[in-house]
Amino acid sequence: MIKRIFADMDGTLLTPEGIVSDATAQAIKASHIPVTLVSARAPLEMKDAIDKLGLNTPQIGFNGGLIYERTGNDWKTISARLITTITAREILNAVKSNFPHVSLSYYDKYRWYADNIDHGIQYEQKLTGQSPTILPIEEVFSQPNFEVFKIMMITFDSEEMERLKAYFNQANYQGVSVAQAGAAYLEITNIDAKKSRGINYILEQERLSKNETAAFGDGYNDLPMLNMVGLPVVMGSAQEDIKKVAKFVTKSNVEDGVAYALQTLPEFKG
């Protein structure tokens, strides 16, 4: 019997418009199984899904950089892994100088920051429904106790993406992980910010065995999560090598694949 569900958001739980469909919300609530969202997103970008699903247990943001709970209108930190402000400032200034056409932004626990509104920021705004705080980097970093969870770069130029990745391979910044998310995104988090870290926390806290857990995912960064659970469910739109780890391949997120699996598989029916 499945006692906990872990779910990726983009390409999995959410529609292409970036929302939880009514059908998926109804299926999750009808399952009566606690759900933990496991995402590269910030809490502010996860809020609408958390509210629509009525989730009140620990959630995992910034790819495991933040384990937190919704408490009223705030986010209670359970565990955090940050990028040091010295390294974050160095990276931001280097990208701004060497890659002026790359859309550059970053996050603390509560806000999304950028220097200006460009094509990448506009694209992300449409996807998440959020708007960044527009301030110069030095002004943001002058805030006392400022914390950085994620740096995000967006480029729709595949050649520039390759140059950007080559730069980080050579620069070898310490204490961070640099990962491509989809074709247009390159994201930087603390080296210990992994989805598996957040999942391990919940498994230990709730004393769950592997066979009591399920996960939904669609991307390469979901593979550690999918391999940690007893019932890995992969979306129909995923790459074929990701589908190889699945015990069940469901429909795509366009077709409410999460809802379809919950309503089809006996493991979710108690």
C-alpha atoms as a PDB file:
ATOM      1  CA  MET A   1       0.000   0.000   0.000  1.00  0.00           C
ATOM      2  CA  ILE A   2       1.332   3.436  -0.952  1.00  0.00           C
ATOM      3  CA  LYS A   3       1.554   5.822   2.003  1.00  0.00           C
ATOM      4  CA  ARG A   4       3.424   8.758   0.406  1.00  0.00           C
ATOM      5  CA  ILE A   5       3.557  10.200  -3.091  1.00  0.00           C
ATOM      6  CA  PHE A   6       6.431  12.349  -4.362  1.00  0.00           C
ATOM      7  CA  ALA A   7       5.693  14.425  -7.456  1.00  0.00           C
ATOM      8  CA  ASP A   8       7.757  16.551  -9.801  1.00  0.00           C
ATOM      9  CA  MET A   9       5.904  19.648 -10.984  1.00  0.00           C
ATOM     10  CA  ASP A  10       6.848  20.940 -14.441  1.00  0.00           C
ATOM     11  CA  GLY A  11       6.057  18.414 -17.144  1.00  0.00           C
ATOM     12  CA  THR A  12       4.484  16.093 -14.580  1.00  0.00           C
ATOM     13  CA  LEU A  13       1.938  17.438 -12.096  1.00  0.00           C
ATOM     14  CA  LEU A  14       1.348  20.724 -13.902  1.00  0.00           C
ATOM     15  CA  THR A  15      -0.278  21.333 -17.262  1.00  0.00           C
ATOM     16  CA  PRO A  16       1.785  23.110 -19.967  1.00  0.00           C
ATOM     17  CA  GLU A  17       0.119  26.297 -18.706  1.00  0.00           C
ATOM     18  CA  GLY A  18       1.744  25.753 -15.304  1.00  0.00           C
ATOM     19  CA  ILE A  19      -1.342  24.865 -13.251  1.00  0.00           C
ATOM     20  CA  VAL A  20      -2.792  21.803 -11.527  1.00  0.00           C
ATOM     21  CA  SER A  21      -5.844  20.721 -13.504  1.00  0.00           C
ATOM     22  CA  ASP A  22      -9.149  20.155 -11.698  1.00  0.00           C
ATOM     23  CA  ALA A  23      -9.062  16.477 -12.683  1.00  0.00           C
ATOM     24  CA  THR A  24      -5.598  15.976 -11.174  1.00  0.00           C
ATOM     25  CA  ALA A  25      -6.516  17.857  -7.980  1.00  0.00           C
ATOM     26  CA  GLN A  26      -9.649  15.769  -7.539  1.00  0.00           C
ATOM     27  CA  ALA A  27      -7.773  12.502  -8.100  1.00  0.00           C
ATOM     28  CA  ILE A  28      -5.072  13.409  -5.567  1.00  0.00           C
ATOM     29  CA  LYS A  29      -7.592  14.408  -2.930  1.00  0.00           C
ATOM     30  CA  ALA A  30      -9.663  11.280  -3.565  1.00  0.00           C
ATOM     31  CA  SER A  31      -6.592   9.076  -3.035  1.00  0.00           C
ATOM     32  CA  HIS A  32      -6.193  10.322   0.560  1.00  0.00           C
ATOM     33  CA  ILE A  33      -2.428   9.763   0.208  1.00  0.00           C
ATOM     34  CA  PRO A  34      -0.096  12.545   1.436  1.00  0.00           C
ATOM     35  CA  VAL A  35       1.761  14.261  -1.401  1.00  0.00           C
ATOM     36  CA  THR A  36       5.147  15.951  -1.341  1.00  0.00           C
ATOM     37  CA  LEU A  37       6.019  18.186  -4.272  1.00  0.00           C
ATOM     38  CA  VAL A  38       9.664  17.804  -5.312  1.00  0.00           C
ATOM     39  CA  SER A  39      10.703  20.664  -7.542  1.00  0.00           C
ATOM     40  CA  ALA A  40      13.429  23.017  -8.694  1.00  0.00           C
ATOM     41  CA  ARG A  41      10.881  25.765  -8.126  1.00  0.00           C
ATOM     42  CA  ALA A  42      10.887  28.282  -5.290  1.00  0.00           C
ATOM     43  CA  PRO A  43       8.152  28.166  -2.624  1.00  0.00           C
ATOM     44  CA  LEU A  44       6.401  31.194  -4.140  1.00  0.00           C
ATOM     45  CA  GLU A  45       6.197  29.270  -7.449  1.00  0.00           C
ATOM     46  CA  MET A  46       4.852  26.169  -5.675  1.00  0.00           C
ATOM     47  CA  LYS A  47       2.264  28.043  -3.599  1.00  0.00           C
ATOM     48  CA  ASP A  48      -0.686  27.792  -6.001  1.00  0.00           C
ATOM     49  CA  ALA A  49      -0.281  24.024  -6.373  1.00  0.00           C
ATOM     50  CA  ILE A  50       0.106  23.566  -2.607  1.00  0.00           C
ATOM     51  CA  ASP A  51      -3.064  25.579  -1.998  1.00  0.00           C
ATOM     52  CA  LYS A  52      -5.101  23.852  -4.681  1.00  0.00           C
ATOM     53  CA  LEU A  53      -4.137  20.413  -3.386  1.00  0.00           C
ATOM     54  CA  GLY A  54      -4.499  21.421   0.271  1.00  0.00           C
ATOM     55  CA  LEU A  55      -1.018  20.149   1.185  1.00  0.00           C
ATOM     56  CA  ASN A  56       0.122  20.646   4.786  1.00  0.00           C
ATOM     57  CA  THR A  57       3.098  18.279   5.044  1.00  0.00           C
ATOM     58  CA  PRO A  58       6.787  18.935   4.195  1.00  0.00           C
ATOM     59  CA  GLN A  59       7.528  20.060   0.647  1.00  0.00           C
ATOM     60  CA  ILE A  60      10.813  20.109  -1.290  1.00  0.00           C
ATOM     61  CA  GLY A  61      11.909  23.168  -3.272  1.00  0.00           C
ATOM     62  CA  PHE A  62      15.052  24.303  -5.096  1.00  0.00           C
ATOM     63  CA  ASN A  63      15.804  20.669  -6.079  1.00  0.00           C
ATOM     64  CA  GLY A  64      16.230  19.749  -2.414  1.00  0.00           C
ATOM     65  CA  GLY A  65      17.901  22.987  -1.355  1.00  0.00           C
ATOM     66  CA  LEU A  66      14.919  23.752   0.860  1.00  0.00           C
ATOM     67  CA  ILE A  67      12.704  21.389   2.822  1.00  0.00           C
ATOM     68  CA  TYR A  68       9.819  23.381   4.260  1.00  0.00           C
ATOM     69  CA  GLU A  69       6.220  23.441   5.449  1.00  0.00           C
ATOM     70  CA  ARG A  70       3.456  25.912   4.744  1.00  0.00           C
ATOM     71  CA  THR A  71       2.537  27.660   7.996  1.00  0.00           C
ATOM     72  CA  GLY A  72      -0.230  30.193   7.439  1.00  0.00           C
ATOM     73  CA  ASN A  73       1.200  32.758   5.046  1.00  0.00           C
ATOM     74  CA  ASP A  74       4.820  31.803   5.718  1.00  0.00           C
ATOM     75  CA  TRP A  75       7.234  28.999   4.876  1.00  0.00           C
ATOM     76  CA  LYS A  76       8.765  27.219   7.859  1.00  0.00           C
ATOM     77  CA  THR A  77      12.286  26.049   7.019  1.00  0.00           C
ATOM     78  CA  ILE A  78      12.990  22.472   8.049  1.00  0.00           C
ATOM     79  CA  SER A  79      16.372  22.184   6.343  1.00  0.00           C
ATOM     80  CA  ALA A  80      18.280  24.417   3.915  1.00  0.00           C
ATOM     81  CA  ARG A  81      21.332  24.186   1.677  1.00  0.00           C
ATOM     82  CA  LEU A  82      22.439  27.590   0.357  1.00  0.00           C
ATOM     83  CA  ILE A  83      24.871  28.988  -2.186  1.00  0.00           C
ATOM     84  CA  THR A  84      27.359  31.131  -0.283  1.00  0.00           C
ATOM     85  CA  THR A  85      26.807  34.815  -0.963  1.00  0.00           C
ATOM     86  CA  ILE A  86      30.447  35.243  -2.018  1.00  0.00           C
ATOM     87  CA  THR A  87      30.151  32.507  -4.649  1.00  0.00           C
ATOM     88  CA  ALA A  88      26.697  33.655  -5.773  1.00  0.00           C
ATOM     89  CA  ARG A  89      27.858  37.235  -6.298  1.00  0.00           C
ATOM     90  CA  GLU A  90      30.938  36.048  -8.182  1.00  0.00           C
ATOM     91  CA  ILE A  91      28.847  33.850 -10.492  1.00  0.00           C
ATOM     92  CA  LEU A  92      26.225  36.517 -11.138  1.00  0.00           C
ATOM     93  CA  ASN A  93      28.797  39.174 -12.027  1.00  0.00           C
ATOM     94  CA  ALA A  94      30.746  36.739 -14.238  1.00  0.00           C
ATOM     95  CA  VAL A  95      27.657  35.687 -16.211  1.00  0.00           C
ATOM     96  CA  LYS A  96      26.477  39.271 -16.531  1.00  0.00           C
ATOM     97  CA  SER A  97      29.879  40.290 -17.909  1.00  0.00           C
ATOM     98  CA  ASN A  98      30.643  37.295 -20.138  1.00  0.00           C
ATOM     99  CA  PHE A  99      27.131  36.385 -21.303  1.00  0.00           C
ATOM    100  CA  PRO A 100      25.181  39.655 -21.561  1.00  0.00           C
ATOM    101  CA  HIS A 101      22.425  38.100 -23.681  1.00  0.00           C
ATOM    102  CA  VAL A 102      21.639  35.324 -21.184  1.00  0.00           C
ATOM    103  CA  SER A 103      18.628  35.968 -18.982  1.00  0.00           C
ATOM    104  CA  LEU A 104      19.939  35.977 -15.411  1.00  0.00           C
ATOM    105  CA  SER A 105      17.992  35.826 -12.152  1.00  0.00           C
ATOM    106  CA  TYR A 106      18.191  34.327  -8.670  1.00  0.00           C
ATOM    107  CA  TYR A 107      16.140  33.455  -5.592  1.00  0.00           C
ATOM    108  CA  ASP A 108      16.128  33.775  -1.858  1.00  0.00           C
ATOM    109  CA  LYS A 109      13.485  31.997   0.228  1.00  0.00           C
ATOM    110  CA  TYR A 110      10.755  34.542  -0.496  1.00  0.00           C
ATOM    111  CA  ARG A 111      11.645  36.448  -3.662  1.00  0.00           C
ATOM    112  CA  TRP A 112      12.809  36.162  -7.253  1.00  0.00           C
ATOM    113  CA  TYR A 113      15.368  38.813  -8.284  1.00  0.00           C
ATOM    114  CA  ALA A 114      16.572  40.160 -11.616  1.00  0.00           C
ATOM    115  CA  ASP A 115      18.323  43.243 -12.978  1.00  0.00           C
ATOM    116  CA  ASN A 116      15.744  43.810 -15.676  1.00  0.00           C
ATOM    117  CA  ILE A 117      12.824  42.270 -17.554  1.00  0.00           C
ATOM    118  CA  ASP A 118      14.078  40.448 -20.641  1.00  0.00           C
ATOM    119  CA  HIS A 119      12.791  37.656 -22.902  1.00  0.00           C
ATOM    120  CA  GLY A 120      13.747  34.913 -20.445  1.00  0.00           C
ATOM    121  CA  ILE A 121      12.112  36.661 -17.501  1.00  0.00           C
ATOM    122  CA  GLN A 122       8.946  37.184 -19.538  1.00  0.00           C
ATOM    123  CA  TYR A 123       8.906  33.487 -20.454  1.00  0.00           C
ATOM    124  CA  GLU A 124       9.285  32.443 -16.819  1.00  0.00           C
ATOM    125  CA  GLN A 125       6.597  34.909 -15.734  1.00  0.00           C
ATOM    126  CA  LYS A 126       4.092  33.271 -18.070  1.00  0.00           C
ATOM    127  CA  LEU A 127       5.043  29.826 -16.769  1.00  0.00           C
ATOM    128  CA  THR A 128       4.929  30.558 -13.032  1.00  0.00           C
ATOM    129  CA  GLY A 129       2.647  33.580 -12.762  1.00  0.00           C
ATOM    130  CA  GLN A 130       5.301  35.373 -10.667  1.00  0.00           C
ATOM    131  CA  SER A 131       7.140  38.647 -11.173  1.00  0.00           C
ATOM    132  CA  PRO A 132      10.707  39.343 -10.061  1.00  0.00           C
ATOM    133  CA  THR A 133      11.956  42.087  -7.797  1.00  0.00           C
ATOM    134  CA  ILE A 134      14.014  44.341 -10.087  1.00  0.00           C
ATOM    135  CA  LEU A 135      17.134  45.606  -8.316  1.00  0.00           C
ATOM    136  CA  PRO A 136      20.883  45.845  -9.062  1.00  0.00           C
ATOM    137  CA  ILE A 137      22.860  42.855  -7.796  1.00  0.00           C
ATOM    138  CA  GLU A 138      24.934  44.882  -5.324  1.00  0.00           C
ATOM    139  CA  GLU A 139      21.830  46.443  -3.794  1.00  0.00           C
ATOM    140  CA  VAL A 140      20.248  43.032  -3.261  1.00  0.00           C
ATOM    141  CA  PHE A 141      23.403  41.564  -1.754  1.00  0.00           C
ATOM    142  CA  SER A 142      23.760  44.505   0.635  1.00  0.00           C
ATOM    143  CA  GLN A 143      20.709  43.268   2.532  1.00  0.00           C
ATOM    144  CA  PRO A 144      21.691  41.866   5.962  1.00  0.00           C
ATOM    145  CA  ASN A 145      21.627  38.067   6.172  1.00  0.00           C
ATOM    146  CA  PHE A 146      20.755  37.723   2.484  1.00  0.00           C
ATOM    147  CA  GLU A 147      20.534  34.084   1.374  1.00  0.00           C
ATOM    148  CA  VAL A 148      20.724  32.615  -2.134  1.00  0.00           C
ATOM    149  CA  PHE A 149      19.072  29.285  -2.930  1.00  0.00           C
ATOM    150  CA  LYS A 150      19.207  29.248  -6.728  1.00  0.00           C
ATOM    151  CA  ILE A 151      20.677  31.084  -9.693  1.00  0.00           C
ATOM    152  CA  MET A 152      18.778  30.653 -12.954  1.00  0.00           C
ATOM    153  CA  MET A 153      19.978  31.332 -16.496  1.00  0.00           C
ATOM    154  CA  ILE A 154      17.735  31.147 -19.544  1.00  0.00           C
ATOM    155  CA  THR A 155      18.788  31.166 -23.185  1.00  0.00           C
ATOM    156  CA  PHE A 156      16.908  29.954 -26.231  1.00  0.00           C
ATOM    157  CA  ASP A 157      20.131  29.899 -28.279  1.00  0.00           C
ATOM    158  CA  SER A 158      21.458  26.314 -28.186  1.00  0.00           C
ATOM    159  CA  GLU A 159      24.987  27.398 -29.117  1.00  0.00           C
ATOM    160  CA  GLU A 160      25.060  29.939 -26.320  1.00  0.00           C
ATOM    161  CA  MET A 161      23.819  27.285 -23.911  1.00  0.00           C
ATOM    162  CA  GLU A 162      26.784  25.104 -24.880  1.00  0.00           C
ATOM    163  CA  ARG A 163      29.175  28.019 -24.341  1.00  0.00           C
ATOM    164  CA  LEU A 164      27.596  28.689 -20.975  1.00  0.00           C
ATOM    165  CA  LYS A 165      27.982  25.066 -19.875  1.00  0.00           C
ATOM    166  CA  ALA A 166      31.574  24.997 -21.106  1.00  0.00           C
ATOM    167  CA  TYR A 167      32.315  28.103 -19.048  1.00  0.00           C
ATOM    168  CA  PHE A 168      31.052  26.489 -15.848  1.00  0.00           C
ATOM    169  CA  ASN A 169      32.878  23.246 -16.562  1.00  0.00           C
ATOM    170  CA  GLN A 170      36.117  25.187 -16.791  1.00  0.00           C
ATOM    171  CA  ALA A 171      35.428  27.707 -13.994  1.00  0.00           C
ATOM    172  CA  ASN A 172      34.850  24.940 -11.423  1.00  0.00           C
ATOM    173  CA  TYR A 173      33.085  27.033  -8.789  1.00  0.00           C
ATOM    174  CA  GLN A 174      33.281  25.278  -5.431  1.00  0.00           C
ATOM    175  CA  GLY A 175      30.256  24.121  -3.457  1.00  0.00           C
ATOM    176  CA  VAL A 176      27.699  24.385  -6.248  1.00  0.00           C
ATOM    177  CA  SER A 177      25.939  22.126  -8.701  1.00  0.00           C
ATOM    178  CA  VAL A 178      25.265  23.324 -12.253  1.00  0.00           C
ATOM    179  CA  ALA A 179      22.531  21.468 -14.131  1.00  0.00           C
ATOM    180  CA  GLN A 180      20.613  21.992 -17.338  1.00  0.00           C
ATOM    181  CA  ALA A 181      16.848  21.805 -16.941  1.00  0.00           C
ATOM    182  CA  GLY A 182      15.167  21.411 -20.311  1.00  0.00           C
ATOM    183  CA  ALA A 183      16.575  23.019 -23.429  1.00  0.00           C
ATOM    184  CA  ALA A 184      16.648  26.618 -22.233  1.00  0.00           C
ATOM    185  CA  TYR A 185      17.471  26.567 -18.511  1.00  0.00           C
ATOM    186  CA  LEU A 186      20.779  26.269 -16.660  1.00  0.00           C
ATOM    187  CA  GLU A 187      20.359  26.291 -12.877  1.00  0.00           C
ATOM    188  CA  ILE A 188      22.858  26.548 -10.025  1.00  0.00           C
ATOM    189  CA  THR A 189      22.196  25.336  -6.490  1.00  0.00           C
ATOM    190  CA  ASN A 190      24.220  24.185  -3.504  1.00  0.00           C
ATOM    191  CA  ILE A 191      26.093  20.974  -4.309  1.00  0.00           C
ATOM    192  CA  ASP A 192      24.055  19.157  -1.638  1.00  0.00           C
ATOM    193  CA  ALA A 193      20.715  20.386  -3.011  1.00  0.00           C
ATOM    194  CA  LYS A 194      19.378  17.126  -4.410  1.00  0.00           C
ATOM    195  CA  LYS A 195      15.834  15.853  -4.616  1.00  0.00           C
ATOM    196  CA  SER A 196      17.019  12.661  -2.924  1.00  0.00           C
ATOM    197  CA  ARG A 197      18.041  14.649   0.174  1.00  0.00           C
ATOM    198  CA  GLY A 198      14.505  15.870   0.725  1.00  0.00           C
ATOM    199  CA  ILE A 199      13.010  12.465   0.075  1.00  0.00           C
ATOM    200  CA  ASN A 200      15.422  10.818   2.521  1.00  0.00           C
ATOM    201  CA  TYR A 201      14.344  13.284   5.191  1.00  0.00           C
ATOM    202  CA  ILE A 202      10.680  12.399   4.790  1.00  0.00           C
ATOM    203  CA  LEU A 203      11.323   8.658   4.619  1.00  0.00           C
ATOM    204  CA  GLU A 204      13.267   8.822   7.886  1.00  0.00           C
ATOM    205  CA  GLN A 205      10.794  11.099   9.648  1.00  0.00           C
ATOM    206  CA  GLU A 206       7.789   8.975   8.723  1.00  0.00           C
ATOM    207  CA  ARG A 207       9.641   5.643   8.919  1.00  0.00           C
ATOM    208  CA  LEU A 208       8.447   4.666   5.476  1.00  0.00           C
ATOM    209  CA  SER A 209       9.818   1.726   3.557  1.00  0.00           C
ATOM    210  CA  LYS A 210      10.616   1.971  -0.130  1.00  0.00           C
ATOM    211  CA  ASN A 211       7.597  -0.181  -1.035  1.00  0.00           C
ATOM    212  CA  GLU A 212       5.275   2.296   0.688  1.00  0.00           C
ATOM    213  CA  THR A 213       6.255   5.147  -1.623  1.00  0.00           C
ATOM    214  CA  ALA A 214       5.555   6.242  -5.184  1.00  0.00           C
ATOM    215  CA  ALA A 215       6.916   9.015  -7.364  1.00  0.00           C
ATOM    216  CA  PHE A 216       5.864  10.783 -10.544  1.00  0.00           C
ATOM    217  CA  GLY A 217       8.473  12.320 -12.852  1.00  0.00           C
ATOM    218  CA  ASP A 218       9.452  13.052 -16.432  1.00  0.00           C
ATOM    219  CA  GLY A 219      13.037  14.341 -16.517  1.00  0.00           C
ATOM    220  CA  TYR A 220      16.630  13.317 -15.966  1.00  0.00           C
ATOM    221  CA  ASN A 221      16.770  15.204 -12.672  1.00  0.00           C
ATOM    222  CA  ASP A 222      13.880  12.993 -11.494  1.00  0.00           C
ATOM    223  CA  LEU A 223      15.858   9.773 -11.889  1.00  0.00           C
ATOM    224  CA  PRO A 224      17.287   9.716  -8.329  1.00  0.00           C
ATOM    225  CA  MET A 225      13.773  10.254  -6.971  1.00  0.00           C
ATOM    226  CA  LEU A 226      12.256   7.575  -9.198  1.00  0.00           C
ATOM    227  CA  ASN A 227      14.944   5.091  -8.183  1.00  0.00           C
ATOM    228  CA  MET A 228      14.310   5.705  -4.472  1.00  0.00           C
ATOM    229  CA  VAL A 229      10.658   4.629  -4.419  1.00  0.00           C
ATOM    230  CA  GLY A 230       8.836   1.350  -4.766  1.00  0.00           C
ATOM    231  CA  LEU A 231       6.481   2.568  -7.484  1.00  0.00           C
ATOM    232  CA  PRO A 232       8.168   4.874 -10.020  1.00  0.00           C
ATOM    233  CA  VAL A 233       5.611   6.322 -12.441  1.00  0.00           C
ATOM    234  CA  VAL A 234       6.914   8.130 -15.532  1.00  0.00           C
ATOM    235  CA  MET A 235       4.930  10.456 -17.739  1.00  0.00           C
ATOM    236  CA  GLY A 236       4.133   9.394 -21.289  1.00  0.00           C
ATOM    237  CA  SER A 237       5.915  12.460 -22.680  1.00  0.00           C
ATOM    238  CA  ALA A 238       9.269  11.533 -21.074  1.00  0.00           C
ATOM    239  CA  GLN A 239      12.373  10.387 -22.954  1.00  0.00           C
ATOM    240  CA  GLU A 240      12.581   6.647 -23.587  1.00  0.00           C
ATOM    241  CA  ASP A 241      15.589   6.106 -21.317  1.00  0.00           C
ATOM    242  CA  ILE A 242      13.674   7.675 -18.423  1.00  0.00           C
ATOM    243  CA  LYS A 243      10.720   5.407 -19.091  1.00  0.00           C
ATOM    244  CA  LYS A 244      13.031   2.421 -18.594  1.00  0.00           C
ATOM    245  CA  VAL A 245      13.070   3.001 -14.814  1.00  0.00           C
ATOM    246  CA  ALA A 246       9.270   3.077 -14.582  1.00  0.00           C
ATOM    247  CA  LYS A 247       7.038   0.375 -13.201  1.00  0.00           C
ATOM    248  CA  PHE A 248       4.216   2.193 -14.948  1.00  0.00           C
ATOM    249  CA  VAL A 249       4.219   4.709 -17.800  1.00  0.00           C
ATOM    250  CA  THR A 250       1.166   6.907 -17.527  1.00  0.00           C
ATOM    251  CA  LYS A 251      -0.316   9.462 -19.888  1.00  0.00           C
ATOM    252  CA  SER A 252       1.350  12.843 -20.454  1.00  0.00           C
ATOM    253  CA  ASN A 253       0.734  15.900 -18.282  1.00  0.00           C
ATOM    254  CA  VAL A 254      -1.429  17.261 -21.101  1.00  0.00           C
ATOM    255  CA  GLU A 255      -3.700  14.242 -20.575  1.00  0.00           C
ATOM    256  CA  ASP A 256      -3.790  14.388 -16.741  1.00  0.00           C
ATOM    257  CA  GLY A 257      -1.331  11.516 -16.464  1.00  0.00           C
ATOM    258  CA  VAL A 258      -1.026  11.774 -12.672  1.00  0.00           C
ATOM    259  CA  ALA A 259      -4.787  11.454 -12.300  1.00  0.00           C
ATOM    260  CA  TYR A 260      -4.871   8.536 -14.736  1.00  0.00           C
ATOM    261  CA  ALA A 261      -2.284   6.581 -12.740  1.00  0.00           C
ATOM    262  CA  LEU A 262      -3.989   7.271  -9.419  1.00  0.00           C
ATOM    263  CA  GLN A 263      -7.283   6.022 -10.812  1.00  0.00           C
ATOM    264  CA  THR A 264      -5.798   3.014 -12.633  1.00  0.00           C
ATOM    265  CA  LEU A 265      -3.147   1.413 -10.438  1.00  0.00           C
ATOM    266  CA  PRO A 266      -4.323  -0.835  -7.565  1.00  0.00           C
ATOM    267  CA  GLU A 267      -1.388   0.321  -5.392  1.00  0.00           C
ATOM    268  CA  PHE A 268      -3.112   3.699  -4.972  1.00  0.00           C
ATOM    269  CA  LYS A 269      -6.472   2.267  -3.966  1.00  0.00           C
ATOM    270  CA  GLY A 270      -5.559   0.952  -0.506  1.00  0.00           C
END
